[in-house]
Amino acid sequence: QVQLVESGGGLVQTGGSLRLSCVASASIFGVYRVEWHRQGPGKQRELVGSIIPHGTPTYADSVVRRFTITRGNAEDTMFLQMNNLKPEDSGVYYCRADNTIYGGTRTYWGQGTQVTVSS
């Protein structure tokens, strides 16, 4: 069982920036798809962005050109850089990793980190 731990959330004003981290307990990000999801108050969980090994990140329309997914130096860390934050970006942000696109059956979720953007 692989553990994912997100960190870096917090309170920021509109227009500010945060960088979230997702650290895995094993070096899986070289062979797993990684996604960032968020869930705002009273909203359904939504996909923010994703990246596959050796691929280019893709983003939801609501965050494109503001959010960027990058990899750490080791294959156990991913980042979500969030710039020009808006109140509607508030919510709990989750990291998800899976190998189902390669025929595997493993899916892991982190516990989430809270992001609050004040107006």
PDB file of N, CA and C in Angstrom:
ATOM      1  N   GLN A   1       0.851  -1.188   0.000  1.00  0.00           N
ATOM      2  CA  GLN A   1       0.000   0.000   0.000  1.00  0.00           C
ATOM      3  C   GLN A   1       0.893   1.246   0.000  1.00  0.00           C
ATOM      4  N   VAL A   2       0.642   2.148  -0.925  1.00  0.00           N
ATOM      5  CA  VAL A   2       1.402   3.386  -1.035  1.00  0.00           C
ATOM      6  C   VAL A   2       0.608   4.508  -0.390  1.00  0.00           C
ATOM      7  N   GLN A   3       1.286   5.321   0.381  1.00  0.00           N
ATOM      8  CA  GLN A   3       0.659   6.480   1.008  1.00  0.00           C
ATOM      9  C   GLN A   3       1.012   7.732   0.214  1.00  0.00           C
ATOM     10  N   LEU A   4       0.019   8.595   0.023  1.00  0.00           N
ATOM     11  CA  LEU A   4       0.245   9.903  -0.592  1.00  0.00           C
ATOM     12  C   LEU A   4      -0.046  10.969   0.459  1.00  0.00           C
ATOM     13  N   VAL A   5       0.842  11.933   0.567  1.00  0.00           N
ATOM     14  CA  VAL A   5       0.668  13.004   1.551  1.00  0.00           C
ATOM     15  C   VAL A   5       0.785  14.350   0.851  1.00  0.00           C
ATOM     16  N   GLU A   6      -0.287  15.127   0.915  1.00  0.00           N
ATOM     17  CA  GLU A   6      -0.277  16.466   0.358  1.00  0.00           C
ATOM     18  C   GLU A   6       0.086  17.461   1.450  1.00  0.00           C
ATOM     19  N   SER A   7       0.689  18.553   1.027  1.00  0.00           N
ATOM     20  CA  SER A   7       0.996  19.649   1.947  1.00  0.00           C
ATOM     21  C   SER A   7       1.103  20.930   1.148  1.00  0.00           C
ATOM     22  N   GLY A   8       1.170  22.048   1.857  1.00  0.00           N
ATOM     23  CA  GLY A   8       1.361  23.333   1.209  1.00  0.00           C
ATOM     24  C   GLY A   8       0.125  24.193   1.141  1.00  0.00           C
ATOM     25  N   GLY A   9      -0.999  23.669   1.587  1.00  0.00           N
ATOM     26  CA  GLY A   9      -2.196  24.472   1.582  1.00  0.00           C
ATOM     27  C   GLY A   9      -2.141  25.563   2.633  1.00  0.00           C
ATOM     28  N   GLY A  10      -3.126  26.440   2.577  1.00  0.00           N
ATOM     29  CA  GLY A  10      -3.171  27.524   3.546  1.00  0.00           C
ATOM     30  C   GLY A  10      -4.146  28.595   3.125  1.00  0.00           C
ATOM     31  N   LEU A  11      -4.031  29.726   3.797  1.00  0.00           N
ATOM     32  CA  LEU A  11      -4.885  30.880   3.524  1.00  0.00           C
ATOM     33  C   LEU A  11      -4.084  31.906   2.724  1.00  0.00           C
ATOM     34  N   VAL A  12      -4.657  32.368   1.633  1.00  0.00           N
ATOM     35  CA  VAL A  12      -3.978  33.334   0.781  1.00  0.00           C
ATOM     36  C   VAL A  12      -5.004  34.318   0.237  1.00  0.00           C
ATOM     37  N   GLN A  13      -4.573  35.523  -0.060  1.00  0.00           N
ATOM     38  CA  GLN A  13      -5.474  36.518  -0.618  1.00  0.00           C
ATOM     39  C   GLN A  13      -5.645  36.309  -2.126  1.00  0.00           C
ATOM     40  N   THR A  14      -6.716  36.857  -2.650  1.00  0.00           N
ATOM     41  CA  THR A  14      -6.947  36.808  -4.092  1.00  0.00           C
ATOM     42  C   THR A  14      -5.730  37.363  -4.826  1.00  0.00           C
ATOM     43  N   GLY A  15      -5.321  36.627  -5.860  1.00  0.00           N
ATOM     44  CA  GLY A  15      -4.139  37.011  -6.618  1.00  0.00           C
ATOM     45  C   GLY A  15      -2.848  36.404  -6.117  1.00  0.00           C
ATOM     46  N   GLY A  16      -2.904  35.762  -4.977  1.00  0.00           N
ATOM     47  CA  GLY A  16      -1.714  35.163  -4.404  1.00  0.00           C
ATOM     48  C   GLY A  16      -1.384  33.814  -5.004  1.00  0.00           C
ATOM     49  N   SER A  17      -0.338  33.210  -4.459  1.00  0.00           N
ATOM     50  CA  SER A  17       0.158  31.931  -4.976  1.00  0.00           C
ATOM     51  C   SER A  17       0.385  30.942  -3.838  1.00  0.00           C
ATOM     52  N   LEU A  18       0.269  29.677  -4.182  1.00  0.00           N
ATOM     53  CA  LEU A  18       0.622  28.588  -3.292  1.00  0.00           C
ATOM     54  C   LEU A  18       1.237  27.473  -4.116  1.00  0.00           C
ATOM     55  N   ARG A  19       2.105  26.687  -3.489  1.00  0.00           N
ATOM     56  CA  ARG A  19       2.631  25.494  -4.133  1.00  0.00           C
ATOM     57  C   ARG A  19       2.308  24.299  -3.258  1.00  0.00           C
ATOM     58  N   LEU A  20       1.515  23.403  -3.812  1.00  0.00           N
ATOM     59  CA  LEU A  20       1.166  22.180  -3.113  1.00  0.00           C
ATOM     60  C   LEU A  20       2.157  21.079  -3.480  1.00  0.00           C
ATOM     61  N   SER A  21       2.414  20.215  -2.527  1.00  0.00           N
ATOM     62  CA  SER A  21       3.285  19.062  -2.755  1.00  0.00           C
ATOM     63  C   SER A  21       2.502  17.781  -2.525  1.00  0.00           C
ATOM     64  N   CYS A  22       2.859  16.765  -3.256  1.00  0.00           N
ATOM     65  CA  CYS A  22       2.310  15.424  -3.055  1.00  0.00           C
ATOM     66  C   CYS A  22       3.510  14.486  -2.986  1.00  0.00           C
ATOM     67  N   VAL A  23       3.696  13.882  -1.843  1.00  0.00           N
ATOM     68  CA  VAL A  23       4.826  12.983  -1.643  1.00  0.00           C
ATOM     69  C   VAL A  23       4.306  11.561  -1.448  1.00  0.00           C
ATOM     70  N   ALA A  24       4.855  10.649  -2.222  1.00  0.00           N
ATOM     71  CA  ALA A  24       4.461   9.243  -2.120  1.00  0.00           C
ATOM     72  C   ALA A  24       5.454   8.468  -1.250  1.00  0.00           C
ATOM     73  N   SER A  25       4.972   7.417  -0.629  1.00  0.00           N
ATOM     74  CA  SER A  25       5.840   6.602   0.227  1.00  0.00           C
ATOM     75  C   SER A  25       6.702   5.643  -0.583  1.00  0.00           C
ATOM     76  N   ALA A  26       6.479   5.596  -1.884  1.00  0.00           N
ATOM     77  CA  ALA A  26       7.306   4.807  -2.794  1.00  0.00           C
ATOM     78  C   ALA A  26       7.497   5.591  -4.085  1.00  0.00           C
ATOM     79  N   SER A  27       8.553   5.302  -4.816  1.00  0.00           N
ATOM     80  CA  SER A  27       8.853   6.055  -6.041  1.00  0.00           C
ATOM     81  C   SER A  27       8.015   5.538  -7.205  1.00  0.00           C
ATOM     82  N   ILE A  28       6.769   5.966  -7.227  1.00  0.00           N
ATOM     83  CA  ILE A  28       5.823   5.438  -8.212  1.00  0.00           C
ATOM     84  C   ILE A  28       5.508   6.396  -9.338  1.00  0.00           C
ATOM     85  N   PHE A  29       5.866   7.664  -9.195  1.00  0.00           N
ATOM     86  CA  PHE A  29       5.371   8.645 -10.151  1.00  0.00           C
ATOM     87  C   PHE A  29       6.006   8.512 -11.524  1.00  0.00           C
ATOM     88  N   GLY A  30       7.040   7.709 -11.646  1.00  0.00           N
ATOM     89  CA  GLY A  30       7.601   7.445 -12.962  1.00  0.00           C
ATOM     90  C   GLY A  30       6.769   6.471 -13.768  1.00  0.00           C
ATOM     91  N   VAL A  31       5.860   5.745 -13.109  1.00  0.00           N
ATOM     92  CA  VAL A  31       5.055   4.727 -13.796  1.00  0.00           C
ATOM     93  C   VAL A  31       3.569   4.860 -13.482  1.00  0.00           C
ATOM     94  N   TYR A  32       3.190   5.914 -12.755  1.00  0.00           N
ATOM     95  CA  TYR A  32       1.791   6.124 -12.419  1.00  0.00           C
ATOM     96  C   TYR A  32       1.314   7.447 -12.990  1.00  0.00           C
ATOM     97  N   ARG A  33       0.069   7.486 -13.427  1.00  0.00           N
ATOM     98  CA  ARG A  33      -0.581   8.759 -13.733  1.00  0.00           C
ATOM     99  C   ARG A  33      -0.840   9.478 -12.403  1.00  0.00           C
ATOM    100  N   VAL A  34      -0.646  10.760 -12.401  1.00  0.00           N
ATOM    101  CA  VAL A  34      -0.904  11.563 -11.199  1.00  0.00           C
ATOM    102  C   VAL A  34      -1.921  12.641 -11.536  1.00  0.00           C
ATOM    103  N   GLU A  35      -2.886  12.797 -10.674  1.00  0.00           N
ATOM    104  CA  GLU A  35      -3.920  13.806 -10.845  1.00  0.00           C
ATOM    105  C   GLU A  35      -4.026  14.651  -9.586  1.00  0.00           C
ATOM    106  N   TRP A  36      -4.401  15.902  -9.792  1.00  0.00           N
ATOM    107  CA  TRP A  36      -4.799  16.771  -8.694  1.00  0.00           C
ATOM    108  C   TRP A  36      -6.296  17.023  -8.833  1.00  0.00           C
ATOM    109  N   HIS A  37      -6.995  16.839  -7.735  1.00  0.00           N
ATOM    110  CA  HIS A  37      -8.424  17.085  -7.662  1.00  0.00           C
ATOM    111  C   HIS A  37      -8.676  18.111  -6.563  1.00  0.00           C
ATOM    112  N   ARG A  38      -9.844  18.723  -6.593  1.00  0.00           N
ATOM    113  CA  ARG A  38     -10.240  19.610  -5.512  1.00  0.00           C
ATOM    114  C   ARG A  38     -11.736  19.484  -5.266  1.00  0.00           C
ATOM    115  N   GLN A  39     -12.102  19.825  -4.051  1.00  0.00           N
ATOM    116  CA  GLN A  39     -13.509  19.829  -3.678  1.00  0.00           C
ATOM    117  C   GLN A  39     -13.798  21.074  -2.871  1.00  0.00           C
ATOM    118  N   GLY A  40     -14.578  21.967  -3.457  1.00  0.00           N
ATOM    119  CA  GLY A  40     -14.953  23.186  -2.763  1.00  0.00           C
ATOM    120  C   GLY A  40     -16.164  22.945  -1.886  1.00  0.00           C
ATOM    121  N   PRO A  41     -16.469  23.901  -1.004  1.00  0.00           N
ATOM    122  CA  PRO A  41     -17.623  23.764  -0.113  1.00  0.00           C
ATOM    123  C   PRO A  41     -18.912  23.574  -0.901  1.00  0.00           C
ATOM    124  N   GLY A  42     -19.635  22.517  -0.614  1.00  0.00           N
ATOM    125  CA  GLY A  42     -20.893  22.269  -1.280  1.00  0.00           C
ATOM    126  C   GLY A  42     -20.780  21.854  -2.732  1.00  0.00           C
ATOM    127  N   LYS A  43     -19.563  21.535  -3.173  1.00  0.00           N
ATOM    128  CA  LYS A  43     -19.354  21.169  -4.570  1.00  0.00           C
ATOM    129  C   LYS A  43     -18.880  19.729  -4.684  1.00  0.00           C
ATOM    130  N   GLN A  44     -19.012  19.197  -5.881  1.00  0.00           N
ATOM    131  CA  GLN A  44     -18.462  17.872  -6.152  1.00  0.00           C
ATOM    132  C   GLN A  44     -16.961  17.977  -6.372  1.00  0.00           C
ATOM    133  N   ARG A  45     -16.288  16.878  -6.118  1.00  0.00           N
ATOM    134  CA  ARG A  45     -14.855  16.844  -6.386  1.00  0.00           C
ATOM    135  C   ARG A  45     -14.634  16.945  -7.891  1.00  0.00           C
ATOM    136  N   GLU A  46     -13.642  17.758  -8.268  1.00  0.00           N
ATOM    137  CA  GLU A  46     -13.381  17.959  -9.680  1.00  0.00           C
ATOM    138  C   GLU A  46     -11.898  17.791  -9.986  1.00  0.00           C
ATOM    139  N   LEU A  47     -11.626  17.387 -11.215  1.00  0.00           N
ATOM    140  CA  LEU A  47     -10.257  17.216 -11.662  1.00  0.00           C
ATOM    141  C   LEU A  47      -9.659  18.570 -11.996  1.00  0.00           C
ATOM    142  N   VAL A  48      -8.499  18.851 -11.456  1.00  0.00           N
ATOM    143  CA  VAL A  48      -7.802  20.112 -11.703  1.00  0.00           C
ATOM    144  C   VAL A  48      -6.777  19.941 -12.817  1.00  0.00           C
ATOM    145  N   GLY A  49      -6.022  18.861 -12.752  1.00  0.00           N
ATOM    146  CA  GLY A  49      -5.004  18.616 -13.757  1.00  0.00           C
ATOM    147  C   GLY A  49      -4.429  17.234 -13.589  1.00  0.00           C
ATOM    148  N   SER A  50      -3.742  16.772 -14.629  1.00  0.00           N
ATOM    149  CA  SER A  50      -3.169  15.432 -14.566  1.00  0.00           C
ATOM    150  C   SER A  50      -1.913  15.354 -15.417  1.00  0.00           C
ATOM    151  N   ILE A  51      -1.107  14.333 -15.127  1.00  0.00           N
ATOM    152  CA  ILE A  51       0.099  14.107 -15.908  1.00  0.00           C
ATOM    153  C   ILE A  51       0.396  12.616 -15.912  1.00  0.00           C
ATOM    154  N   ILE A  52       0.835  12.129 -17.058  1.00  0.00           N
ATOM    155  CA  ILE A  52       1.248  10.730 -17.153  1.00  0.00           C
ATOM    156  C   ILE A  52       2.761  10.695 -17.317  1.00  0.00           C
ATOM    157  N   PRO A  53       3.393   9.585 -17.024  1.00  0.00           N
ATOM    158  CA  PRO A  53       4.840   9.500 -17.191  1.00  0.00           C
ATOM    159  C   PRO A  53       5.267   9.878 -18.605  1.00  0.00           C
ATOM    160  N   HIS A  54       6.253  10.735 -18.705  1.00  0.00           N
ATOM    161  CA  HIS A  54       6.787  11.200 -19.987  1.00  0.00           C
ATOM    162  C   HIS A  54       5.775  12.006 -20.794  1.00  0.00           C
ATOM    163  N   GLY A  55       4.699  12.443 -20.135  1.00  0.00           N
ATOM    164  CA  GLY A  55       3.681  13.201 -20.839  1.00  0.00           C
ATOM    165  C   GLY A  55       3.666  14.659 -20.436  1.00  0.00           C
ATOM    166  N   THR A  56       2.816  15.399 -21.108  1.00  0.00           N
ATOM    167  CA  THR A  56       2.623  16.822 -20.828  1.00  0.00           C
ATOM    168  C   THR A  56       1.394  16.984 -19.942  1.00  0.00           C
ATOM    169  N   PRO A  57       1.455  17.842 -18.946  1.00  0.00           N
ATOM    170  CA  PRO A  57       0.279  18.016 -18.090  1.00  0.00           C
ATOM    171  C   PRO A  57      -0.914  18.576 -18.854  1.00  0.00           C
ATOM    172  N   THR A  58      -2.100  18.205 -18.406  1.00  0.00           N
ATOM    173  CA  THR A  58      -3.337  18.786 -18.912  1.00  0.00           C
ATOM    174  C   THR A  58      -4.085  19.388 -17.736  1.00  0.00           C
ATOM    175  N   TYR A  59      -4.894  20.391 -18.029  1.00  0.00           N
ATOM    176  CA  TYR A  59      -5.548  21.157 -16.962  1.00  0.00           C
ATOM    177  C   TYR A  59      -7.015  21.411 -17.275  1.00  0.00           C
ATOM    178  N   ALA A  60      -7.787  21.583 -16.216  1.00  0.00           N
ATOM    179  CA  ALA A  60      -9.152  22.035 -16.373  1.00  0.00           C
ATOM    180  C   ALA A  60      -9.148  23.458 -16.917  1.00  0.00           C
ATOM    181  N   ASP A  61     -10.184  23.793 -17.674  1.00  0.00           N
ATOM    182  CA  ASP A  61     -10.271  25.124 -18.264  1.00  0.00           C
ATOM    183  C   ASP A  61     -10.210  26.218 -17.205  1.00  0.00           C
ATOM    184  N   SER A  62     -10.742  25.934 -16.027  1.00  0.00           N
ATOM    185  CA  SER A  62     -10.827  26.958 -14.981  1.00  0.00           C
ATOM    186  C   SER A  62      -9.472  27.324 -14.395  1.00  0.00           C
ATOM    187  N   VAL A  63      -8.446  26.496 -14.621  1.00  0.00           N
ATOM    188  CA  VAL A  63      -7.141  26.763 -14.005  1.00  0.00           C
ATOM    189  C   VAL A  63      -6.020  26.882 -15.018  1.00  0.00           C
ATOM    190  N   VAL A  64      -6.300  26.635 -16.301  1.00  0.00           N
ATOM    191  CA  VAL A  64      -5.231  26.674 -17.298  1.00  0.00           C
ATOM    192  C   VAL A  64      -4.585  28.053 -17.309  1.00  0.00           C
ATOM    193  N   ARG A  65      -3.285  28.065 -17.478  1.00  0.00           N
ATOM    194  CA  ARG A  65      -2.435  29.271 -17.466  1.00  0.00           C
ATOM    195  C   ARG A  65      -2.284  29.885 -16.082  1.00  0.00           C
ATOM    196  N   ARG A  66      -2.906  29.293 -15.069  1.00  0.00           N
ATOM    197  CA  ARG A  66      -2.685  29.741 -13.687  1.00  0.00           C
ATOM    198  C   ARG A  66      -2.022  28.651 -12.845  1.00  0.00           C
ATOM    199  N   PHE A  67      -2.351  27.395 -13.124  1.00  0.00           N
ATOM    200  CA  PHE A  67      -1.823  26.268 -12.357  1.00  0.00           C
ATOM    201  C   PHE A  67      -0.831  25.497 -13.211  1.00  0.00           C
ATOM    202  N   THR A  68       0.190  24.959 -12.553  1.00  0.00           N
ATOM    203  CA  THR A  68       1.199  24.176 -13.269  1.00  0.00           C
ATOM    204  C   THR A  68       1.580  22.950 -12.446  1.00  0.00           C
ATOM    205  N   ILE A  69       1.569  21.797 -13.086  1.00  0.00           N
ATOM    206  CA  ILE A  69       2.007  20.556 -12.443  1.00  0.00           C
ATOM    207  C   ILE A  69       3.461  20.302 -12.826  1.00  0.00           C
ATOM    208  N   THR A  70       4.288  20.062 -11.832  1.00  0.00           N
ATOM    209  CA  THR A  70       5.686  19.742 -12.097  1.00  0.00           C
ATOM    210  C   THR A  70       6.105  18.548 -11.238  1.00  0.00           C
ATOM    211  N   ARG A  71       7.224  17.961 -11.650  1.00  0.00           N
ATOM    212  CA  ARG A  71       7.767  16.812 -10.910  1.00  0.00           C
ATOM    213  C   ARG A  71       8.930  17.240 -10.033  1.00  0.00           C
ATOM    214  N   GLY A  72       9.100  16.526  -8.929  1.00  0.00           N
ATOM    215  CA  GLY A  72      10.294  16.711  -8.129  1.00  0.00           C
ATOM    216  C   GLY A  72      11.455  15.966  -8.758  1.00  0.00           C
ATOM    217  N   ASN A  73      12.614  16.075  -8.142  1.00  0.00           N
ATOM    218  CA  ASN A  73      13.800  15.418  -8.671  1.00  0.00           C
ATOM    219  C   ASN A  73      13.708  13.898  -8.563  1.00  0.00           C
ATOM    220  N   ALA A  74      13.038  13.406  -7.543  1.00  0.00           N
ATOM    221  CA  ALA A  74      12.840  11.971  -7.374  1.00  0.00           C
ATOM    222  C   ALA A  74      11.454  11.603  -7.872  1.00  0.00           C
ATOM    223  N   GLU A  75      11.234  10.328  -8.087  1.00  0.00           N
ATOM    224  CA  GLU A  75       9.943   9.902  -8.614  1.00  0.00           C
ATOM    225  C   GLU A  75       8.923   9.657  -7.507  1.00  0.00           C
ATOM    226  N   ASP A  76       9.035  10.459  -6.455  1.00  0.00           N
ATOM    227  CA  ASP A  76       8.066  10.312  -5.376  1.00  0.00           C
ATOM    228  C   ASP A  76       7.425  11.644  -4.996  1.00  0.00           C
ATOM    229  N   THR A  77       7.662  12.664  -5.792  1.00  0.00           N
ATOM    230  CA  THR A  77       7.148  13.994  -5.449  1.00  0.00           C
ATOM    231  C   THR A  77       6.568  14.677  -6.679  1.00  0.00           C
ATOM    232  N   MET A  78       5.406  15.267  -6.488  1.00  0.00           N
ATOM    233  CA  MET A  78       4.773  16.076  -7.519  1.00  0.00           C
ATOM    234  C   MET A  78       4.373  17.396  -6.877  1.00  0.00           C
ATOM    235  N   PHE A  79       4.303  18.429  -7.694  1.00  0.00           N
ATOM    236  CA  PHE A  79       3.921  19.751  -7.211  1.00  0.00           C
ATOM    237  C   PHE A  79       2.767  20.298  -8.040  1.00  0.00           C
ATOM    238  N   LEU A  80       1.988  21.127  -7.394  1.00  0.00           N
ATOM    239  CA  LEU A  80       0.966  21.909  -8.087  1.00  0.00           C
ATOM    240  C   LEU A  80       1.205  23.367  -7.724  1.00  0.00           C
ATOM    241  N   GLN A  81       1.754  24.114  -8.675  1.00  0.00           N
ATOM    242  CA  GLN A  81       1.971  25.545  -8.479  1.00  0.00           C
ATOM    243  C   GLN A  81       0.702  26.275  -8.867  1.00  0.00           C
ATOM    244  N   MET A  82       0.177  27.066  -7.962  1.00  0.00           N
ATOM    245  CA  MET A  82      -1.080  27.781  -8.197  1.00  0.00           C
ATOM    246  C   MET A  82      -0.831  29.265  -8.094  1.00  0.00           C
ATOM    247  N   ASN A  83      -1.033  29.971  -9.180  1.00  0.00           N
ATOM    248  CA  ASN A  83      -0.831  31.407  -9.235  1.00  0.00           C
ATOM    249  C   ASN A  83      -2.140  32.122  -9.503  1.00  0.00           C
ATOM    250  N   ASN A  84      -2.151  33.421  -9.198  1.00  0.00           N
ATOM    251  CA  ASN A  84      -3.342  34.245  -9.438  1.00  0.00           C
ATOM    252  C   ASN A  84      -4.593  33.563  -8.887  1.00  0.00           C
ATOM    253  N   LEU A  85      -4.522  33.187  -7.637  1.00  0.00           N
ATOM    254  CA  LEU A  85      -5.616  32.439  -7.031  1.00  0.00           C
ATOM    255  C   LEU A  85      -6.863  33.291  -6.875  1.00  0.00           C
ATOM    256  N   LYS A  86      -8.002  32.621  -6.989  1.00  0.00           N
ATOM    257  CA  LYS A  86      -9.304  33.275  -6.887  1.00  0.00           C
ATOM    258  C   LYS A  86     -10.101  32.603  -5.765  1.00  0.00           C
ATOM    259  N   PRO A  87     -11.086  33.293  -5.209  1.00  0.00           N
ATOM    260  CA  PRO A  87     -11.891  32.664  -4.152  1.00  0.00           C
ATOM    261  C   PRO A  87     -12.504  31.339  -4.577  1.00  0.00           C
ATOM    262  N   GLU A  88     -12.871  31.224  -5.839  1.00  0.00           N
ATOM    263  CA  GLU A  88     -13.475  29.977  -6.301  1.00  0.00           C
ATOM    264  C   GLU A  88     -12.482  28.820  -6.384  1.00  0.00           C
ATOM    265  N   ASP A  89     -11.199  29.092  -6.177  1.00  0.00           N
ATOM    266  CA  ASP A  89     -10.206  28.023  -6.103  1.00  0.00           C
ATOM    267  C   ASP A  89     -10.155  27.390  -4.707  1.00  0.00           C
ATOM    268  N   SER A  90     -10.877  27.955  -3.771  1.00  0.00           N
ATOM    269  CA  SER A  90     -10.857  27.430  -2.404  1.00  0.00           C
ATOM    270  C   SER A  90     -11.419  26.013  -2.360  1.00  0.00           C
ATOM    271  N   GLY A  91     -10.861  25.209  -1.486  1.00  0.00           N
ATOM    272  CA  GLY A  91     -11.332  23.848  -1.313  1.00  0.00           C
ATOM    273  C   GLY A  91     -10.231  22.952  -0.796  1.00  0.00           C
ATOM    274  N   VAL A  92     -10.554  21.695  -0.680  1.00  0.00           N
ATOM    275  CA  VAL A  92      -9.559  20.702  -0.293  1.00  0.00           C
ATOM    276  C   VAL A  92      -8.966  20.115  -1.573  1.00  0.00           C
ATOM    277  N   TYR A  93      -7.653  20.124  -1.636  1.00  0.00           N
ATOM    278  CA  TYR A  93      -6.949  19.627  -2.816  1.00  0.00           C
ATOM    279  C   TYR A  93      -6.369  18.253  -2.517  1.00  0.00           C
ATOM    280  N   TYR A  94      -6.625  17.343  -3.446  1.00  0.00           N
ATOM    281  CA  TYR A  94      -6.216  15.949  -3.281  1.00  0.00           C
ATOM    282  C   TYR A  94      -5.272  15.533  -4.400  1.00  0.00           C
ATOM    283  N   CYS A  95      -4.335  14.720  -4.054  1.00  0.00           N
ATOM    284  CA  CYS A  95      -3.452  14.074  -5.008  1.00  0.00           C
ATOM    285  C   CYS A  95      -3.948  12.634  -5.209  1.00  0.00           C
ATOM    286  N   ARG A  96      -3.945  12.205  -6.447  1.00  0.00           N
ATOM    287  CA  ARG A  96      -4.375  10.838  -6.791  1.00  0.00           C
ATOM    288  C   ARG A  96      -3.358  10.229  -7.743  1.00  0.00           C
ATOM    289  N   ALA A  97      -3.049   8.978  -7.552  1.00  0.00           N
ATOM    290  CA  ALA A  97      -2.131   8.276  -8.448  1.00  0.00           C
ATOM    291  C   ALA A  97      -2.726   6.926  -8.813  1.00  0.00           C
ATOM    292  N   ASP A  98      -2.617   6.554 -10.071  1.00  0.00           N
ATOM    293  CA  ASP A  98      -3.116   5.244 -10.490  1.00  0.00           C
ATOM    294  C   ASP A  98      -2.286   4.691 -11.637  1.00  0.00           C
ATOM    295  N   ASN A  99      -2.341   3.382 -11.789  1.00  0.00           N
ATOM    296  CA  ASN A  99      -1.639   2.732 -12.894  1.00  0.00           C
ATOM    297  C   ASN A  99      -2.611   2.020 -13.820  1.00  0.00           C
ATOM    298  N   THR A 100      -3.873   2.407 -13.758  1.00  0.00           N
ATOM    299  CA  THR A 100      -4.887   1.708 -14.560  1.00  0.00           C
ATOM    300  C   THR A 100      -4.712   1.940 -16.054  1.00  0.00           C
ATOM    301  N   ILE A 101      -4.073   3.071 -16.422  1.00  0.00           N
ATOM    302  CA  ILE A 101      -3.896   3.301 -17.851  1.00  0.00           C
ATOM    303  C   ILE A 101      -2.872   2.343 -18.440  1.00  0.00           C
ATOM    304  N   TYR A 102      -2.132   1.663 -17.573  1.00  0.00           N
ATOM    305  CA  TYR A 102      -1.165   0.678 -18.032  1.00  0.00           C
ATOM    306  C   TYR A 102      -1.634  -0.738 -17.716  1.00  0.00           C
ATOM    307  N   GLY A 103      -2.924  -0.878 -17.448  1.00  0.00           N
ATOM    308  CA  GLY A 103      -3.479  -2.194 -17.181  1.00  0.00           C
ATOM    309  C   GLY A 103      -3.394  -2.626 -15.739  1.00  0.00           C
ATOM    310  N   GLY A 104      -2.949  -1.732 -14.877  1.00  0.00           N
ATOM    311  CA  GLY A 104      -2.864  -2.076 -13.461  1.00  0.00           C
ATOM    312  C   GLY A 104      -4.182  -1.855 -12.754  1.00  0.00           C
ATOM    313  N   THR A 105      -4.165  -2.117 -11.486  1.00  0.00           N
ATOM    314  CA  THR A 105      -5.397  -2.019 -10.702  1.00  0.00           C
ATOM    315  C   THR A 105      -5.232  -1.152  -9.466  1.00  0.00           C
ATOM    316  N   ARG A 106      -4.145  -0.404  -9.368  1.00  0.00           N
ATOM    317  CA  ARG A 106      -3.855   0.365  -8.162  1.00  0.00           C
ATOM    318  C   ARG A 106      -4.284   1.822  -8.306  1.00  0.00           C
ATOM    319  N   THR A 107      -4.970   2.307  -7.303  1.00  0.00           N
ATOM    320  CA  THR A 107      -5.345   3.710  -7.209  1.00  0.00           C
ATOM    321  C   THR A 107      -5.123   4.163  -5.781  1.00  0.00           C
ATOM    322  N   TYR A 108      -4.453   5.299  -5.631  1.00  0.00           N
ATOM    323  CA  TYR A 108      -4.180   5.833  -4.301  1.00  0.00           C
ATOM    324  C   TYR A 108      -4.620   7.295  -4.234  1.00  0.00           C
ATOM    325  N   TRP A 109      -5.135   7.676  -3.093  1.00  0.00           N
ATOM    326  CA  TRP A 109      -5.531   9.061  -2.818  1.00  0.00           C
ATOM    327  C   TRP A 109      -4.794   9.541  -1.562  1.00  0.00           C
ATOM    328  N   GLY A 110      -4.488  10.827  -1.576  1.00  0.00           N
ATOM    329  CA  GLY A 110      -3.993  11.445  -0.359  1.00  0.00           C
ATOM    330  C   GLY A 110      -5.157  11.915   0.500  1.00  0.00           C
ATOM    331  N   GLN A 111      -4.814  12.462   1.646  1.00  0.00           N
ATOM    332  CA  GLN A 111      -5.844  12.890   2.595  1.00  0.00           C
ATOM    333  C   GLN A 111      -6.334  14.310   2.316  1.00  0.00           C
ATOM    334  N   GLY A 112      -5.615  15.023   1.473  1.00  0.00           N
ATOM    335  CA  GLY A 112      -6.033  16.372   1.101  1.00  0.00           C
ATOM    336  C   GLY A 112      -5.367  17.464   1.918  1.00  0.00           C
ATOM    337  N   THR A 113      -5.302  18.632   1.311  1.00  0.00           N
ATOM    338  CA  THR A 113      -4.791  19.822   1.992  1.00  0.00           C
ATOM    339  C   THR A 113      -5.723  20.989   1.667  1.00  0.00           C
ATOM    340  N   GLN A 114      -6.033  21.789   2.674  1.00  0.00           N
ATOM    341  CA  GLN A 114      -7.023  22.861   2.524  1.00  0.00           C
ATOM    342  C   GLN A 114      -6.388  24.107   1.923  1.00  0.00           C
ATOM    343  N   VAL A 115      -7.064  24.641   0.918  1.00  0.00           N
ATOM    344  CA  VAL A 115      -6.688  25.917   0.315  1.00  0.00           C
ATOM    345  C   VAL A 115      -7.858  26.880   0.487  1.00  0.00           C
ATOM    346  N   THR A 116      -7.571  28.038   1.053  1.00  0.00           N
ATOM    347  CA  THR A 116      -8.603  29.050   1.227  1.00  0.00           C
ATOM    348  C   THR A 116      -8.105  30.353   0.629  1.00  0.00           C
ATOM    349  N   VAL A 117      -8.878  30.883  -0.296  1.00  0.00           N
ATOM    350  CA  VAL A 117      -8.518  32.138  -0.956  1.00  0.00           C
ATOM    351  C   VAL A 117      -9.525  33.191  -0.520  1.00  0.00           C
ATOM    352  N   SER A 118      -9.046  34.219   0.148  1.00  0.00           N
ATOM    353  CA  SER A 118      -9.926  35.272   0.645  1.00  0.00           C
ATOM    354  C   SER A 118     -10.067  36.369  -0.398  1.00  0.00           C
ATOM    355  N   SER A 119     -11.245  36.971  -0.420  1.00  0.00           N
ATOM    356  CA  SER A 119     -11.515  38.044  -1.397  1.00  0.00           C
ATOM    357  C   SER A 119     -11.108  39.389  -0.852  1.00  0.00           C
TER     358      SER A 119
END
